[in-house]
Amino acid sequence: MPSSKVFTAFASGVARAAGKPSAFALCIIIVAIWAASGPLFHYSDTWQLIINTGTTIVTFLMVFLIQNTQNRDGAAIQAKLDELIRTSAAQNRYIGIEGLTEEELDDLRSGCAKRAASGIIDEAREAADRALDEAGDKARAAAKRAAGLASYPS
């Protein structure tokens, strides 16, 4: 098996395991044991160095494992979104935009926000028009009923 597949499997497994509540509980237990052992070691520099070194090493290694997992997840999501865009009525110009600069992405986001706001305004206008039409229909129906009642003798 290629080394990249081995690393991918290892990184995915570690990321999954690190995200479980049991992993958090284990870390709490380790810190509690370390803290409780303070009086035994007279809170020495070595005692402090143990937790500092351990947490630094774990943090350093986890950064790379988690980054690898996030990179793969992001690429997979991007591929799925690109395929959805390609097969839908959406604009194909959005495929591959992850390579744009921050400024280009900001321009694209603001354009999308303007179109979305415009769509919201259009939807509100349509809803208001429907409400007016319904109110007009009800008013006409009420007027017809009132006219019909007025023709009956009391």
C-alpha atoms as a PDB file:
ATOM      1  CA  MET A   1       0.000   0.000   0.000  1.00  0.00           C
ATOM      2  CA  PRO A   2       1.454   3.429  -0.927  1.00  0.00           C
ATOM      3  CA  SER A   3       2.647   5.584   1.954  1.00  0.00           C
ATOM      4  CA  SER A   4       0.075   8.296   1.153  1.00  0.00           C
ATOM      5  CA  LYS A   5      -2.747   5.767   1.615  1.00  0.00           C
ATOM      6  CA  VAL A   6      -1.249   4.612   4.914  1.00  0.00           C
ATOM      7  CA  PHE A   7      -0.918   8.201   6.135  1.00  0.00           C
ATOM      8  CA  THR A   8      -4.460   9.037   4.968  1.00  0.00           C
ATOM      9  CA  ALA A   9      -5.888   6.055   6.830  1.00  0.00           C
ATOM     10  CA  PHE A  10      -3.835   6.884   9.928  1.00  0.00           C
ATOM     11  CA  ALA A  11      -4.758  10.601   9.852  1.00  0.00           C
ATOM     12  CA  SER A  12      -8.444   9.825   9.379  1.00  0.00           C
ATOM     13  CA  GLY A  13      -8.423   7.324  12.211  1.00  0.00           C
ATOM     14  CA  VAL A  14      -6.625   9.668  14.604  1.00  0.00           C
ATOM     15  CA  ALA A  15      -8.917  12.584  13.686  1.00  0.00           C
ATOM     16  CA  ARG A  16     -12.004  10.434  14.295  1.00  0.00           C
ATOM     17  CA  ALA A  17     -10.632   9.115  17.597  1.00  0.00           C
ATOM     18  CA  ALA A  18      -9.554  12.574  18.796  1.00  0.00           C
ATOM     19  CA  GLY A  19     -13.049  13.917  18.175  1.00  0.00           C
ATOM     20  CA  LYS A  20     -14.768  11.397  20.436  1.00  0.00           C
ATOM     21  CA  PRO A  21     -15.943  12.258  23.951  1.00  0.00           C
ATOM     22  CA  SER A  22     -13.876   9.376  25.317  1.00  0.00           C
ATOM     23  CA  ALA A  23     -10.687  11.028  24.014  1.00  0.00           C
ATOM     24  CA  PHE A  24     -11.588  14.235  25.824  1.00  0.00           C
ATOM     25  CA  ALA A  25     -12.345  12.269  29.002  1.00  0.00           C
ATOM     26  CA  LEU A  26      -8.982  10.499  28.740  1.00  0.00           C
ATOM     27  CA  CYS A  27      -7.206  13.858  28.479  1.00  0.00           C
ATOM     28  CA  ILE A  28      -9.057  15.137  31.545  1.00  0.00           C
ATOM     29  CA  ILE A  29      -8.025  12.011  33.474  1.00  0.00           C
ATOM     30  CA  ILE A  30      -4.381  12.428  32.425  1.00  0.00           C
ATOM     31  CA  VAL A  31      -4.361  16.081  33.514  1.00  0.00           C
ATOM     32  CA  ALA A  32      -6.092  15.193  36.796  1.00  0.00           C
ATOM     33  CA  ILE A  33      -3.518  12.483  37.532  1.00  0.00           C
ATOM     34  CA  TRP A  34      -0.710  14.885  36.669  1.00  0.00           C
ATOM     35  CA  ALA A  35      -2.207  17.598  38.891  1.00  0.00           C
ATOM     36  CA  ALA A  36      -2.769  15.166  41.754  1.00  0.00           C
ATOM     37  CA  SER A  37       0.840  14.006  41.528  1.00  0.00           C
ATOM     38  CA  GLY A  38       2.091  17.581  42.063  1.00  0.00           C
ATOM     39  CA  PRO A  39       2.532  17.288  45.835  1.00  0.00           C
ATOM     40  CA  LEU A  40       4.326  13.953  45.405  1.00  0.00           C
ATOM     41  CA  PHE A  41       6.921  15.614  43.181  1.00  0.00           C
ATOM     42  CA  HIS A  42       6.887  18.900  45.179  1.00  0.00           C
ATOM     43  CA  TYR A  43       5.632  20.741  42.072  1.00  0.00           C
ATOM     44  CA  SER A  44       9.141  20.518  40.666  1.00  0.00           C
ATOM     45  CA  ASP A  45      10.328  21.864  37.346  1.00  0.00           C
ATOM     46  CA  THR A  46      10.507  18.297  36.036  1.00  0.00           C
ATOM     47  CA  TRP A  47       6.888  17.718  37.070  1.00  0.00           C
ATOM     48  CA  GLN A  48       5.828  20.823  35.101  1.00  0.00           C
ATOM     49  CA  LEU A  49       8.077  19.918  32.174  1.00  0.00           C
ATOM     50  CA  ILE A  50       6.321  16.545  31.775  1.00  0.00           C
ATOM     51  CA  ILE A  51       2.901  18.056  31.057  1.00  0.00           C
ATOM     52  CA  ASN A  52       4.327  20.928  28.998  1.00  0.00           C
ATOM     53  CA  THR A  53       6.391  18.611  26.805  1.00  0.00           C
ATOM     54  CA  GLY A  54       3.586  16.075  26.417  1.00  0.00           C
ATOM     55  CA  THR A  55       0.977  18.636  25.418  1.00  0.00           C
ATOM     56  CA  THR A  56       3.377  20.397  23.053  1.00  0.00           C
ATOM     57  CA  ILE A  57       4.259  17.183  21.233  1.00  0.00           C
ATOM     58  CA  VAL A  58       0.644  16.057  20.965  1.00  0.00           C
ATOM     59  CA  THR A  59      -0.485  19.504  19.755  1.00  0.00           C
ATOM     60  CA  PHE A  60       2.334  19.705  17.194  1.00  0.00           C
ATOM     61  CA  LEU A  61       1.489  16.298  15.702  1.00  0.00           C
ATOM     62  CA  MET A  62      -2.283  16.817  15.808  1.00  0.00           C
ATOM     63  CA  VAL A  63      -2.015  20.042  13.804  1.00  0.00           C
ATOM     64  CA  PHE A  64      -0.657  18.122  10.823  1.00  0.00           C
ATOM     65  CA  LEU A  65      -3.061  15.218  11.131  1.00  0.00           C
ATOM     66  CA  ILE A  66      -6.117  17.435  11.451  1.00  0.00           C
ATOM     67  CA  GLN A  67      -4.948  19.720   8.626  1.00  0.00           C
ATOM     68  CA  ASN A  68      -4.538  16.700   6.350  1.00  0.00           C
ATOM     69  CA  THR A  69      -8.048  15.504   7.199  1.00  0.00           C
ATOM     70  CA  GLN A  70      -9.533  18.961   6.642  1.00  0.00           C
ATOM     71  CA  ASN A  71      -7.718  19.352   3.313  1.00  0.00           C
ATOM     72  CA  ARG A  72      -9.143  16.059   2.053  1.00  0.00           C
ATOM     73  CA  ASP A  73     -12.626  16.824   3.378  1.00  0.00           C
ATOM     74  CA  GLY A  74     -12.551  20.273   1.758  1.00  0.00           C
ATOM     75  CA  ALA A  75     -11.400  18.844  -1.574  1.00  0.00           C
ATOM     76  CA  ALA A  76     -14.114  16.168  -1.464  1.00  0.00           C
ATOM     77  CA  ILE A  77     -16.822  18.719  -0.676  1.00  0.00           C
ATOM     78  CA  GLN A  78     -15.526  20.984  -3.437  1.00  0.00           C
ATOM     79  CA  ALA A  79     -15.646  18.117  -5.940  1.00  0.00           C
ATOM     80  CA  LYS A  80     -19.218  17.310  -4.903  1.00  0.00           C
ATOM     81  CA  LEU A  81     -20.291  20.944  -5.206  1.00  0.00           C
ATOM     82  CA  ASP A  82     -18.605  21.245  -8.609  1.00  0.00           C
ATOM     83  CA  GLU A  83     -20.494  18.182  -9.809  1.00  0.00           C
ATOM     84  CA  LEU A  84     -23.797  19.569  -8.505  1.00  0.00           C
ATOM     85  CA  ILE A  85     -23.144  22.877 -10.252  1.00  0.00           C
ATOM     86  CA  ARG A  86     -22.154  21.107 -13.474  1.00  0.00           C
ATOM     87  CA  THR A  87     -25.311  18.988 -13.570  1.00  0.00           C
ATOM     88  CA  SER A  88     -27.753  21.701 -12.485  1.00  0.00           C
ATOM     89  CA  ALA A  89     -29.039  24.997 -13.833  1.00  0.00           C
ATOM     90  CA  ALA A  90     -26.428  26.841 -11.725  1.00  0.00           C
ATOM     91  CA  GLN A  91     -23.747  28.860 -13.451  1.00  0.00           C
ATOM     92  CA  ASN A  92     -20.742  26.732 -14.408  1.00  0.00           C
ATOM     93  CA  ARG A  93     -18.448  29.722 -13.837  1.00  0.00           C
ATOM     94  CA  TYR A  94     -18.493  28.809 -10.115  1.00  0.00           C
ATOM     95  CA  ILE A  95     -16.632  25.546 -10.758  1.00  0.00           C
ATOM     96  CA  GLY A  96     -13.035  25.861  -9.590  1.00  0.00           C
ATOM     97  CA  ILE A  97     -13.409  29.184  -7.781  1.00  0.00           C
ATOM     98  CA  GLU A  98     -11.379  27.873  -4.846  1.00  0.00           C
ATOM     99  CA  GLY A  99      -8.304  28.976  -6.824  1.00  0.00           C
ATOM    100  CA  LEU A 100      -9.345  32.639  -6.876  1.00  0.00           C
ATOM    101  CA  THR A 101      -7.678  35.304  -4.770  1.00  0.00           C
ATOM    102  CA  GLU A 102      -9.323  36.588  -1.601  1.00  0.00           C
ATOM    103  CA  GLU A 103     -10.315  39.812  -3.382  1.00  0.00           C
ATOM    104  CA  GLU A 104     -11.870  37.919  -6.294  1.00  0.00           C
ATOM    105  CA  LEU A 105     -13.817  35.730  -3.877  1.00  0.00           C
ATOM    106  CA  ASP A 106     -15.013  38.832  -1.985  1.00  0.00           C
ATOM    107  CA  ASP A 107     -16.292  40.323  -5.253  1.00  0.00           C
ATOM    108  CA  LEU A 108     -18.031  37.060  -6.106  1.00  0.00           C
ATOM    109  CA  ARG A 109     -19.611  36.837  -2.632  1.00  0.00           C
ATOM    110  CA  SER A 110     -20.896  40.413  -2.776  1.00  0.00           C
ATOM    111  CA  GLY A 111     -22.397  39.754  -6.215  1.00  0.00           C
ATOM    112  CA  CYS A 112     -24.146  36.647  -4.870  1.00  0.00           C
ATOM    113  CA  ALA A 113     -25.404  38.612  -1.865  1.00  0.00           C
ATOM    114  CA  LYS A 114     -26.811  41.325  -4.154  1.00  0.00           C
ATOM    115  CA  ARG A 115     -28.567  38.734  -6.310  1.00  0.00           C
ATOM    116  CA  ALA A 116     -29.926  37.014  -3.200  1.00  0.00           C
ATOM    117  CA  ALA A 117     -31.181  40.332  -1.794  1.00  0.00           C
ATOM    118  CA  SER A 118     -32.770  41.125  -5.132  1.00  0.00           C
ATOM    119  CA  GLY A 119     -34.430  37.718  -5.074  1.00  0.00           C
ATOM    120  CA  ILE A 120     -35.749  38.372  -1.568  1.00  0.00           C
ATOM    121  CA  ILE A 121     -37.195  41.707  -2.683  1.00  0.00           C
ATOM    122  CA  ASP A 122     -38.765  40.052  -5.723  1.00  0.00           C
ATOM    123  CA  GLU A 123     -40.261  37.333  -3.521  1.00  0.00           C
ATOM    124  CA  ALA A 124     -41.666  39.966  -1.153  1.00  0.00           C
ATOM    125  CA  ARG A 125     -43.214  41.839  -4.081  1.00  0.00           C
ATOM    126  CA  GLU A 126     -44.757  38.643  -5.411  1.00  0.00           C
ATOM    127  CA  ALA A 127     -46.151  37.793  -1.963  1.00  0.00           C
ATOM    128  CA  ALA A 128     -47.603  41.293  -1.630  1.00  0.00           C
ATOM    129  CA  ASP A 129     -49.162  41.040  -5.099  1.00  0.00           C
ATOM    130  CA  ARG A 130     -50.701  37.667  -4.216  1.00  0.00           C
ATOM    131  CA  ALA A 131     -52.073  39.084  -0.961  1.00  0.00           C
ATOM    132  CA  LEU A 132     -53.580  42.059  -2.803  1.00  0.00           C
ATOM    133  CA  ASP A 133     -55.133  39.769  -5.411  1.00  0.00           C
ATOM    134  CA  GLU A 134     -56.613  37.555  -2.698  1.00  0.00           C
ATOM    135  CA  ALA A 135     -57.930  40.596  -0.821  1.00  0.00           C
ATOM    136  CA  GLY A 136     -59.469  41.932  -4.033  1.00  0.00           C
ATOM    137  CA  ASP A 137     -61.111  38.558  -4.747  1.00  0.00           C
ATOM    138  CA  LYS A 138     -62.536  38.473  -1.234  1.00  0.00           C
ATOM    139  CA  ALA A 139     -63.793  42.061  -1.516  1.00  0.00           C
ATOM    140  CA  ARG A 140     -65.521  41.311  -4.845  1.00  0.00           C
ATOM    141  CA  ALA A 141     -67.092  38.154  -3.421  1.00  0.00           C
ATOM    142  CA  ALA A 142     -68.313  40.094  -0.368  1.00  0.00           C
ATOM    143  CA  ALA A 143     -69.737  42.840  -2.599  1.00  0.00           C
ATOM    144  CA  LYS A 144     -71.611  40.250  -4.681  1.00  0.00           C
ATOM    145  CA  ARG A 145     -73.021  38.667  -1.539  1.00  0.00           C
ATOM    146  CA  ALA A 146     -74.013  42.078  -0.212  1.00  0.00           C
ATOM    147  CA  ALA A 147     -75.670  42.974  -3.519  1.00  0.00           C
ATOM    148  CA  GLY A 148     -77.553  39.677  -3.503  1.00  0.00           C
ATOM    149  CA  LEU A 149     -78.766  40.232   0.047  1.00  0.00           C
ATOM    150  CA  ALA A 150     -79.902  43.775  -0.769  1.00  0.00           C
ATOM    151  CA  SER A 151     -82.292  42.449  -3.455  1.00  0.00           C
ATOM    152  CA  TYR A 152     -84.210  40.322  -0.938  1.00  0.00           C
ATOM    153  CA  PRO A 153     -87.166  42.056   0.764  1.00  0.00           C
ATOM    154  CA  SER A 154     -86.939  42.299   4.534  1.00  0.00           C
END
